[in-house]
Amino acid sequence: NRAADALDASALMVEEVLAEAGIERAAVICAGIGIPGPVNRARGTVGSATILPGWVGLRIAFEMEGRLGLRVEIENDANCGALAEMTWGAGRECSNFAYIKAATGIGAGLVTDGRLLRGASGTAGEIGHTTLDEAGALCYCGNRGCLETVASGPAILQLVGQGRSEALTLPRVIELAAAGDIRCRRAISDAGREIGVAVAGLCNLINPERVIIGGAMSRAGDLLLGPIRESIRRHTVLAAADRVDVVPAVFVERAELLGSLALALTSSTEARSAPV
């Protein structure tokens, strides 16, 4: 069971970190977990059977609480990124913003009126499964032509990896693009345009004041952000386009980690202040 193995490995890592830091378990107030899929927080389960099929029905927080002997909160990883940026990063002064995680997958953490927008079953922000081409490639979610099929890390690697002697990774593609590799630059730029089309739909729907681009692909800088901005200008209603700023995230690799920390701190504070 890969899900159970992942939880066991995570519990072991927590043990190792506590031992290395010399911290007693009793001093830990809460643990936060970010997972790469929608989360139904009311049930404590994955919110989509097609995005993380191996985790369906598993009560993740409950299972981890049993392994750790600690209170555990779970959240979608893009939402964790949004929490990190809202607490310490580029979203600190915003009450309405969209955090876009562009990496192996593409997701969004949406903040409206200073609160995360999760939706009825936790799937709010699954921008990677926005349909851009109904006749496009089949996505693992079961639909065709999703944003992730043309603009995610794996999609970029498939485009630029053909005919090369070295096995490319996404960081290496970004490095080659910065050095002037034409194919890598075009692939990242095209991905930015497609992401921008999907983000434009978000802007029309929730009218954010800021769009924060995070995830490994954000390391490409304006090569990615420039086309995103252009697509937003082209596909968003004028009043929304004039209002929104597109900026890089403050946190990239550590966004989900810091967001899980913010989740645990917030949940612990809410628990202590709740009426008995």
C-alpha atoms as a PDB file:
ATOM      1  CA  ASN A   1       0.000   0.000   0.000  1.00  0.00           C
ATOM      2  CA  ARG A   2       1.868   3.057  -1.266  1.00  0.00           C
ATOM      3  CA  ALA A   3      -0.237   5.494   0.747  1.00  0.00           C
ATOM      4  CA  ALA A   4       0.412   3.646   4.010  1.00  0.00           C
ATOM      5  CA  ASP A   5       4.115   3.386   3.166  1.00  0.00           C
ATOM      6  CA  ALA A   6       4.250   7.146   2.569  1.00  0.00           C
ATOM      7  CA  LEU A   7       2.587   7.820   5.925  1.00  0.00           C
ATOM      8  CA  ASP A   8       4.992   5.423   7.682  1.00  0.00           C
ATOM      9  CA  ALA A   9       7.981   7.162   6.053  1.00  0.00           C
ATOM     10  CA  SER A  10       6.639  10.571   7.057  1.00  0.00           C
ATOM     11  CA  ALA A  11       6.181   9.456  10.664  1.00  0.00           C
ATOM     12  CA  LEU A  12       9.757   8.173  10.723  1.00  0.00           C
ATOM     13  CA  MET A  13      11.022  11.498   9.383  1.00  0.00           C
ATOM     14  CA  VAL A  14       9.157  13.346  12.139  1.00  0.00           C
ATOM     15  CA  GLU A  15      10.816  11.098  14.734  1.00  0.00           C
ATOM     16  CA  GLU A  16      14.238  11.819  13.240  1.00  0.00           C
ATOM     17  CA  VAL A  17      13.661  15.588  13.120  1.00  0.00           C
ATOM     18  CA  LEU A  18      12.470  15.735  16.738  1.00  0.00           C
ATOM     19  CA  ALA A  19      15.472  13.703  17.872  1.00  0.00           C
ATOM     20  CA  GLU A  20      17.911  15.824  15.877  1.00  0.00           C
ATOM     21  CA  ALA A  21      16.424  19.059  17.232  1.00  0.00           C
ATOM     22  CA  GLY A  22      16.265  17.726  20.786  1.00  0.00           C
ATOM     23  CA  ILE A  23      12.556  18.554  21.118  1.00  0.00           C
ATOM     24  CA  GLU A  24      10.209  16.562  23.323  1.00  0.00           C
ATOM     25  CA  ARG A  25       7.031  15.315  21.652  1.00  0.00           C
ATOM     26  CA  ALA A  26       4.958  16.955  24.400  1.00  0.00           C
ATOM     27  CA  ALA A  27       6.215  20.361  23.260  1.00  0.00           C
ATOM     28  CA  VAL A  28       4.707  19.948  19.764  1.00  0.00           C
ATOM     29  CA  ILE A  29       1.290  21.607  19.544  1.00  0.00           C
ATOM     30  CA  CYS A  30       0.230  20.366  16.098  1.00  0.00           C
ATOM     31  CA  ALA A  31       1.560  18.935  12.829  1.00  0.00           C
ATOM     32  CA  GLY A  32       0.564  20.160   9.380  1.00  0.00           C
ATOM     33  CA  ILE A  33       0.585  18.094   6.170  1.00  0.00           C
ATOM     34  CA  GLY A  34       0.327  19.283   2.571  1.00  0.00           C
ATOM     35  CA  ILE A  35      -0.667  16.757  -0.105  1.00  0.00           C
ATOM     36  CA  PRO A  36      -0.667  17.173  -3.922  1.00  0.00           C
ATOM     37  CA  GLY A  37      -4.406  16.839  -4.408  1.00  0.00           C
ATOM     38  CA  PRO A  38      -7.753  18.178  -3.208  1.00  0.00           C
ATOM     39  CA  VAL A  39      -8.582  17.662   0.468  1.00  0.00           C
ATOM     40  CA  ASN A  40     -12.018  17.218   1.990  1.00  0.00           C
ATOM     41  CA  ARG A  41     -11.229  18.667   5.405  1.00  0.00           C
ATOM     42  CA  ALA A  42     -14.631  17.765   6.874  1.00  0.00           C
ATOM     43  CA  ARG A  43     -13.923  14.079   6.230  1.00  0.00           C
ATOM     44  CA  GLY A  44     -10.148  14.272   6.441  1.00  0.00           C
ATOM     45  CA  THR A  45      -9.825  12.506   3.092  1.00  0.00           C
ATOM     46  CA  VAL A  46      -8.712  13.133  -0.481  1.00  0.00           C
ATOM     47  CA  GLY A  47     -11.400  15.083  -2.339  1.00  0.00           C
ATOM     48  CA  SER A  48     -11.000  13.458  -5.775  1.00  0.00           C
ATOM     49  CA  ALA A  49     -10.834   9.781  -6.741  1.00  0.00           C
ATOM     50  CA  THR A  50      -9.151  10.551 -10.071  1.00  0.00           C
ATOM     51  CA  ILE A  51      -6.329  12.839  -8.924  1.00  0.00           C
ATOM     52  CA  LEU A  52      -4.990  10.695  -6.038  1.00  0.00           C
ATOM     53  CA  PRO A  53      -6.699   7.324  -6.569  1.00  0.00           C
ATOM     54  CA  GLY A  54      -4.421   5.396  -4.211  1.00  0.00           C
ATOM     55  CA  TRP A  55      -5.450   7.615  -1.301  1.00  0.00           C
ATOM     56  CA  VAL A  56      -9.233   7.409  -1.685  1.00  0.00           C
ATOM     57  CA  GLY A  57     -11.054   6.709   1.570  1.00  0.00           C
ATOM     58  CA  LEU A  58      -7.901   7.080   3.665  1.00  0.00           C
ATOM     59  CA  ARG A  59      -8.417   9.405   6.632  1.00  0.00           C
ATOM     60  CA  ILE A  60      -4.992  10.964   6.369  1.00  0.00           C
ATOM     61  CA  ALA A  61      -5.030  13.189   9.445  1.00  0.00           C
ATOM     62  CA  PHE A  62      -6.479  10.397  11.603  1.00  0.00           C
ATOM     63  CA  GLU A  63      -3.909   7.898  10.337  1.00  0.00           C
ATOM     64  CA  MET A  64      -1.020  10.281  11.009  1.00  0.00           C
ATOM     65  CA  GLU A  65      -2.337  11.182  14.456  1.00  0.00           C
ATOM     66  CA  GLY A  66      -2.217   7.474  15.296  1.00  0.00           C
ATOM     67  CA  ARG A  67       1.380   7.224  14.091  1.00  0.00           C
ATOM     68  CA  LEU A  68       2.625  10.429  15.707  1.00  0.00           C
ATOM     69  CA  GLY A  69       0.546  10.756  18.847  1.00  0.00           C
ATOM     70  CA  LEU A  70      -0.009  14.401  17.849  1.00  0.00           C
ATOM     71  CA  ARG A  71      -2.858  16.521  16.540  1.00  0.00           C
ATOM     72  CA  VAL A  72      -2.598  16.690  12.729  1.00  0.00           C
ATOM     73  CA  GLU A  73      -4.131  19.024  10.133  1.00  0.00           C
ATOM     74  CA  ILE A  74      -4.058  18.348   6.374  1.00  0.00           C
ATOM     75  CA  GLU A  75      -4.349  20.686   3.411  1.00  0.00           C
ATOM     76  CA  ASN A  76      -3.820  20.765  -0.348  1.00  0.00           C
ATOM     77  CA  ASP A  77      -0.227  21.702  -1.212  1.00  0.00           C
ATOM     78  CA  ALA A  78      -1.177  24.736  -3.323  1.00  0.00           C
ATOM     79  CA  ASN A  79      -3.328  25.968  -0.442  1.00  0.00           C
ATOM     80  CA  CYS A  80      -0.298  25.507   1.816  1.00  0.00           C
ATOM     81  CA  GLY A  81       1.692  27.661  -0.602  1.00  0.00           C
ATOM     82  CA  ALA A  82      -1.021  30.314  -0.416  1.00  0.00           C
ATOM     83  CA  LEU A  83      -0.933  30.197   3.390  1.00  0.00           C
ATOM     84  CA  ALA A  84       2.846  30.664   3.378  1.00  0.00           C
ATOM     85  CA  GLU A  85       2.636  33.661   1.055  1.00  0.00           C
ATOM     86  CA  MET A  86      -0.298  35.143   2.992  1.00  0.00           C
ATOM     87  CA  THR A  87       1.511  34.782   6.323  1.00  0.00           C
ATOM     88  CA  TRP A  88       5.104  35.691   5.454  1.00  0.00           C
ATOM     89  CA  GLY A  89       5.396  36.327   1.708  1.00  0.00           C
ATOM     90  CA  ALA A  90       3.988  38.158  -1.308  1.00  0.00           C
ATOM     91  CA  GLY A  91       0.375  37.975  -0.084  1.00  0.00           C
ATOM     92  CA  ARG A  92       0.838  39.655   3.284  1.00  0.00           C
ATOM     93  CA  GLU A  93      -0.887  42.883   2.254  1.00  0.00           C
ATOM     94  CA  CYS A  94      -3.605  41.212   0.161  1.00  0.00           C
ATOM     95  CA  SER A  95      -7.042  39.994   1.166  1.00  0.00           C
ATOM     96  CA  ASN A  96      -7.805  38.631  -2.322  1.00  0.00           C
ATOM     97  CA  PHE A  97      -5.154  36.775  -4.282  1.00  0.00           C
ATOM     98  CA  ALA A  98      -4.423  33.597  -6.229  1.00  0.00           C
ATOM     99  CA  TYR A  99      -1.285  31.573  -5.576  1.00  0.00           C
ATOM    100  CA  ILE A 100      -0.327  29.440  -8.573  1.00  0.00           C
ATOM    101  CA  LYS A 101       1.930  26.438  -8.009  1.00  0.00           C
ATOM    102  CA  ALA A 102       3.515  25.544 -11.345  1.00  0.00           C
ATOM    103  CA  ALA A 103       5.696  22.462 -11.094  1.00  0.00           C
ATOM    104  CA  THR A 104       5.116  18.750 -11.746  1.00  0.00           C
ATOM    105  CA  GLY A 105       1.445  19.625 -11.518  1.00  0.00           C
ATOM    106  CA  ILE A 106      -0.347  22.974 -11.639  1.00  0.00           C
ATOM    107  CA  GLY A 107      -2.665  24.069  -8.856  1.00  0.00           C
ATOM    108  CA  ALA A 108      -4.002  27.222  -7.266  1.00  0.00           C
ATOM    109  CA  GLY A 109      -4.552  28.332  -3.703  1.00  0.00           C
ATOM    110  CA  LEU A 110      -7.291  30.963  -3.673  1.00  0.00           C
ATOM    111  CA  VAL A 111      -7.656  33.553  -0.919  1.00  0.00           C
ATOM    112  CA  THR A 112     -10.844  35.619  -0.827  1.00  0.00           C
ATOM    113  CA  ASP A 113     -11.517  38.202   1.874  1.00  0.00           C
ATOM    114  CA  GLY A 114      -8.484  36.936   3.756  1.00  0.00           C
ATOM    115  CA  ARG A 115      -9.586  33.290   3.895  1.00  0.00           C
ATOM    116  CA  LEU A 116      -8.761  30.208   1.855  1.00  0.00           C
ATOM    117  CA  LEU A 117     -11.446  29.239  -0.641  1.00  0.00           C
ATOM    118  CA  ARG A 118     -11.712  25.446  -0.499  1.00  0.00           C
ATOM    119  CA  GLY A 119     -15.086  24.702  -2.083  1.00  0.00           C
ATOM    120  CA  ALA A 120     -17.724  22.109  -1.187  1.00  0.00           C
ATOM    121  CA  SER A 121     -15.410  19.076  -1.431  1.00  0.00           C
ATOM    122  CA  GLY A 122     -11.951  20.651  -1.406  1.00  0.00           C
ATOM    123  CA  THR A 123     -11.431  20.889  -5.171  1.00  0.00           C
ATOM    124  CA  ALA A 124     -11.430  24.689  -5.440  1.00  0.00           C
ATOM    125  CA  GLY A 125      -8.263  25.820  -7.211  1.00  0.00           C
ATOM    126  CA  GLU A 126      -7.667  22.699  -9.333  1.00  0.00           C
ATOM    127  CA  ILE A 127      -6.662  24.981 -12.199  1.00  0.00           C
ATOM    128  CA  GLY A 128      -4.442  22.295 -13.710  1.00  0.00           C
ATOM    129  CA  HIS A 129      -7.577  20.488 -14.834  1.00  0.00           C
ATOM    130  CA  THR A 130      -9.068  23.436 -16.665  1.00  0.00           C
ATOM    131  CA  THR A 131      -9.945  22.228 -20.173  1.00  0.00           C
ATOM    132  CA  LEU A 132      -8.076  24.168 -22.856  1.00  0.00           C
ATOM    133  CA  ASP A 133      -8.611  21.748 -25.769  1.00  0.00           C
ATOM    134  CA  GLU A 134     -11.506  19.264 -25.786  1.00  0.00           C
ATOM    135  CA  ALA A 135      -9.697  17.202 -28.443  1.00  0.00           C
ATOM    136  CA  GLY A 136      -6.359  17.377 -26.636  1.00  0.00           C
ATOM    137  CA  ALA A 137      -4.297  14.740 -24.875  1.00  0.00           C
ATOM    138  CA  LEU A 138      -5.941  12.504 -22.297  1.00  0.00           C
ATOM    139  CA  CYS A 139      -5.185  13.663 -18.761  1.00  0.00           C
ATOM    140  CA  TYR A 140      -4.783  11.324 -15.782  1.00  0.00           C
ATOM    141  CA  CYS A 141      -7.902  12.950 -14.287  1.00  0.00           C
ATOM    142  CA  GLY A 142      -9.950  11.366 -17.109  1.00  0.00           C
ATOM    143  CA  ASN A 143     -10.602  14.527 -19.133  1.00  0.00           C
ATOM    144  CA  ARG A 144      -8.917  15.729 -22.315  1.00  0.00           C
ATOM    145  CA  GLY A 145      -6.870  18.822 -22.986  1.00  0.00           C
ATOM    146  CA  CYS A 146      -6.309  19.855 -19.372  1.00  0.00           C
ATOM    147  CA  LEU A 147      -3.810  22.627 -18.639  1.00  0.00           C
ATOM    148  CA  GLU A 148      -1.430  20.079 -17.094  1.00  0.00           C
ATOM    149  CA  THR A 149      -1.220  18.145 -20.364  1.00  0.00           C
ATOM    150  CA  VAL A 150       0.408  21.127 -22.106  1.00  0.00           C
ATOM    151  CA  ALA A 151       2.025  23.307 -19.421  1.00  0.00           C
ATOM    152  CA  SER A 152       3.174  21.158 -16.483  1.00  0.00           C
ATOM    153  CA  GLY A 153       6.745  20.099 -15.785  1.00  0.00           C
ATOM    154  CA  PRO A 154       6.304  16.637 -17.379  1.00  0.00           C
ATOM    155  CA  ALA A 155       4.695  18.191 -20.477  1.00  0.00           C
ATOM    156  CA  ILE A 156       7.657  20.543 -20.896  1.00  0.00           C
ATOM    157  CA  LEU A 157      10.154  17.709 -20.424  1.00  0.00           C
ATOM    158  CA  GLN A 158       8.388  15.651 -23.074  1.00  0.00           C
ATOM    159  CA  LEU A 159       8.613  18.547 -25.528  1.00  0.00           C
ATOM    160  CA  VAL A 160      12.270  19.408 -25.061  1.00  0.00           C
ATOM    161  CA  GLY A 161      13.693  16.009 -24.116  1.00  0.00           C
ATOM    162  CA  GLN A 162      13.381  14.368 -27.517  1.00  0.00           C
ATOM    163  CA  GLY A 163      16.659  13.913 -29.359  1.00  0.00           C
ATOM    164  CA  ARG A 164      18.874  14.916 -26.414  1.00  0.00           C
ATOM    165  CA  SER A 165      21.687  12.815 -25.042  1.00  0.00           C
ATOM    166  CA  GLU A 166      21.105  13.886 -21.421  1.00  0.00           C
ATOM    167  CA  ALA A 167      18.072  13.049 -19.302  1.00  0.00           C
ATOM    168  CA  LEU A 168      16.565  16.408 -18.478  1.00  0.00           C
ATOM    169  CA  THR A 169      14.946  17.561 -15.266  1.00  0.00           C
ATOM    170  CA  LEU A 170      12.766  20.648 -14.883  1.00  0.00           C
ATOM    171  CA  PRO A 171      15.501  22.628 -13.049  1.00  0.00           C
ATOM    172  CA  ARG A 172      17.915  21.708 -15.850  1.00  0.00           C
ATOM    173  CA  VAL A 173      15.460  22.909 -18.503  1.00  0.00           C
ATOM    174  CA  ILE A 174      15.156  26.234 -16.673  1.00  0.00           C
ATOM    175  CA  GLU A 175      18.944  26.436 -16.473  1.00  0.00           C
ATOM    176  CA  LEU A 176      19.282  25.759 -20.213  1.00  0.00           C
ATOM    177  CA  ALA A 177      16.595  28.338 -20.984  1.00  0.00           C
ATOM    178  CA  ALA A 178      18.487  30.955 -18.960  1.00  0.00           C
ATOM    179  CA  ALA A 179      21.605  30.080 -20.977  1.00  0.00           C
ATOM    180  CA  GLY A 180      19.752  30.729 -24.237  1.00  0.00           C
ATOM    181  CA  ASP A 181      18.549  27.270 -25.359  1.00  0.00           C
ATOM    182  CA  ILE A 182      15.846  28.088 -27.929  1.00  0.00           C
ATOM    183  CA  ARG A 183      13.730  24.966 -27.430  1.00  0.00           C
ATOM    184  CA  CYS A 184      13.691  25.302 -23.660  1.00  0.00           C
ATOM    185  CA  ARG A 185      12.869  29.000 -23.838  1.00  0.00           C
ATOM    186  CA  ARG A 186      10.002  28.377 -26.246  1.00  0.00           C
ATOM    187  CA  ALA A 187       8.586  25.517 -24.162  1.00  0.00           C
ATOM    188  CA  ILE A 188       8.571  27.605 -20.966  1.00  0.00           C
ATOM    189  CA  SER A 189       7.157  30.639 -22.742  1.00  0.00           C
ATOM    190  CA  ASP A 190       4.365  28.593 -24.335  1.00  0.00           C
ATOM    191  CA  ALA A 191       3.574  27.045 -20.955  1.00  0.00           C
ATOM    192  CA  GLY A 192       3.302  30.536 -19.497  1.00  0.00           C
ATOM    193  CA  ARG A 193       0.790  31.553 -22.164  1.00  0.00           C
ATOM    194  CA  GLU A 194      -1.375  28.503 -21.463  1.00  0.00           C
ATOM    195  CA  ILE A 195      -1.194  29.013 -17.696  1.00  0.00           C
ATOM    196  CA  GLY A 196      -2.150  32.652 -18.265  1.00  0.00           C
ATOM    197  CA  VAL A 197      -5.290  31.633 -20.169  1.00  0.00           C
ATOM    198  CA  ALA A 198      -6.438  29.527 -17.217  1.00  0.00           C
ATOM    199  CA  VAL A 199      -5.461  32.226 -14.711  1.00  0.00           C
ATOM    200  CA  ALA A 200      -7.431  34.767 -16.754  1.00  0.00           C
ATOM    201  CA  GLY A 201     -10.544  32.691 -16.086  1.00  0.00           C
ATOM    202  CA  LEU A 202      -9.754  32.848 -12.379  1.00  0.00           C
ATOM    203  CA  CYS A 203      -9.373  36.610 -12.591  1.00  0.00           C
ATOM    204  CA  ASN A 204     -12.781  36.930 -14.226  1.00  0.00           C
ATOM    205  CA  LEU A 205     -14.339  34.754 -11.516  1.00  0.00           C
ATOM    206  CA  ILE A 206     -12.776  35.963  -8.253  1.00  0.00           C
ATOM    207  CA  ASN A 207     -11.201  39.309  -9.259  1.00  0.00           C
ATOM    208  CA  PRO A 208      -7.930  38.981  -7.267  1.00  0.00           C
ATOM    209  CA  GLU A 209      -5.703  41.959  -6.636  1.00  0.00           C
ATOM    210  CA  ARG A 210      -2.597  39.819  -7.012  1.00  0.00           C
ATOM    211  CA  VAL A 211      -1.550  36.595  -8.728  1.00  0.00           C
ATOM    212  CA  ILE A 212       1.493  34.996  -7.087  1.00  0.00           C
ATOM    213  CA  ILE A 213       3.439  32.525  -9.228  1.00  0.00           C
ATOM    214  CA  GLY A 214       5.258  29.830  -7.263  1.00  0.00           C
ATOM    215  CA  GLY A 215       6.477  26.286  -7.737  1.00  0.00           C
ATOM    216  CA  ALA A 216       9.647  25.104  -9.456  1.00  0.00           C
ATOM    217  CA  MET A 217       8.688  26.677 -12.795  1.00  0.00           C
ATOM    218  CA  SER A 218       8.662  30.136 -11.232  1.00  0.00           C
ATOM    219  CA  ARG A 219      12.471  29.914 -11.202  1.00  0.00           C
ATOM    220  CA  ALA A 220      12.254  30.778 -14.906  1.00  0.00           C
ATOM    221  CA  GLY A 221      11.344  34.355 -13.926  1.00  0.00           C
ATOM    222  CA  ASP A 222       9.976  36.669 -16.588  1.00  0.00           C
ATOM    223  CA  LEU A 223      10.367  33.988 -19.260  1.00  0.00           C
ATOM    224  CA  LEU A 224       7.329  32.404 -17.587  1.00  0.00           C
ATOM    225  CA  LEU A 225       5.700  35.422 -15.918  1.00  0.00           C
ATOM    226  CA  GLY A 226       5.809  37.643 -19.029  1.00  0.00           C
ATOM    227  CA  PRO A 227       3.582  35.341 -21.132  1.00  0.00           C
ATOM    228  CA  ILE A 228       1.269  34.802 -18.140  1.00  0.00           C
ATOM    229  CA  ARG A 229       0.797  38.566 -17.845  1.00  0.00           C
ATOM    230  CA  GLU A 230       0.148  38.885 -21.588  1.00  0.00           C
ATOM    231  CA  SER A 231      -2.489  36.128 -21.571  1.00  0.00           C
ATOM    232  CA  ILE A 232      -4.221  37.718 -18.598  1.00  0.00           C
ATOM    233  CA  ARG A 233      -4.336  41.049 -20.430  1.00  0.00           C
ATOM    234  CA  ARG A 234      -5.774  39.381 -23.531  1.00  0.00           C
ATOM    235  CA  HIS A 235      -8.343  37.102 -21.889  1.00  0.00           C
ATOM    236  CA  THR A 236      -9.520  38.946 -18.773  1.00  0.00           C
ATOM    237  CA  VAL A 237     -12.164  41.640 -18.666  1.00  0.00           C
ATOM    238  CA  LEU A 238     -10.513  45.048 -18.640  1.00  0.00           C
ATOM    239  CA  ALA A 239     -11.544  46.063 -15.120  1.00  0.00           C
ATOM    240  CA  ALA A 240     -10.059  42.866 -13.643  1.00  0.00           C
ATOM    241  CA  ALA A 241      -6.910  42.959 -15.798  1.00  0.00           C
ATOM    242  CA  ASP A 242      -6.171  46.555 -14.797  1.00  0.00           C
ATOM    243  CA  ARG A 243      -6.474  45.672 -11.110  1.00  0.00           C
ATOM    244  CA  VAL A 244      -4.305  42.550 -10.889  1.00  0.00           C
ATOM    245  CA  ASP A 245      -0.538  42.346 -10.362  1.00  0.00           C
ATOM    246  CA  VAL A 246       1.371  39.204 -11.342  1.00  0.00           C
ATOM    247  CA  VAL A 247       4.397  38.675  -9.085  1.00  0.00           C
ATOM    248  CA  PRO A 248       6.811  35.866  -8.243  1.00  0.00           C
ATOM    249  CA  ALA A 249       6.384  34.012  -4.971  1.00  0.00           C
ATOM    250  CA  VAL A 250       8.727  34.790  -2.105  1.00  0.00           C
ATOM    251  CA  PHE A 251       8.962  31.083  -1.330  1.00  0.00           C
ATOM    252  CA  VAL A 252       9.529  28.348  -3.905  1.00  0.00           C
ATOM    253  CA  GLU A 253      10.867  25.032  -2.595  1.00  0.00           C
ATOM    254  CA  ARG A 254       9.849  25.862   1.006  1.00  0.00           C
ATOM    255  CA  ALA A 255       6.345  27.177   0.266  1.00  0.00           C
ATOM    256  CA  GLU A 256       4.444  23.998   1.161  1.00  0.00           C
ATOM    257  CA  LEU A 257       6.624  23.405   4.225  1.00  0.00           C
ATOM    258  CA  LEU A 258       6.042  26.908   5.580  1.00  0.00           C
ATOM    259  CA  GLY A 259       2.360  26.718   4.638  1.00  0.00           C
ATOM    260  CA  SER A 260       1.995  23.495   6.641  1.00  0.00           C
ATOM    261  CA  LEU A 261       3.586  25.313   9.568  1.00  0.00           C
ATOM    262  CA  ALA A 262       1.124  28.207   9.186  1.00  0.00           C
ATOM    263  CA  LEU A 263      -1.736  25.686   8.996  1.00  0.00           C
ATOM    264  CA  ALA A 264      -0.656  23.995  12.215  1.00  0.00           C
ATOM    265  CA  LEU A 265      -0.173  27.308  14.042  1.00  0.00           C
ATOM    266  CA  THR A 266      -3.535  28.677  12.887  1.00  0.00           C
ATOM    267  CA  SER A 267      -5.409  25.471  13.710  1.00  0.00           C
ATOM    268  CA  SER A 268      -3.819  25.295  17.153  1.00  0.00           C
ATOM    269  CA  THR A 269      -4.748  28.913  17.883  1.00  0.00           C
ATOM    270  CA  GLU A 270      -8.337  28.323  16.752  1.00  0.00           C
ATOM    271  CA  ALA A 271      -8.574  25.188  18.884  1.00  0.00           C
ATOM    272  CA  ARG A 272      -7.380  27.026  22.010  1.00  0.00           C
ATOM    273  CA  SER A 273      -9.786  29.927  21.474  1.00  0.00           C
ATOM    274  CA  ALA A 274     -12.844  27.751  20.720  1.00  0.00           C
ATOM    275  CA  PRO A 275     -15.593  27.788  23.401  1.00  0.00           C
ATOM    276  CA  VAL A 276     -15.659  24.714  25.636  1.00  0.00           C
END
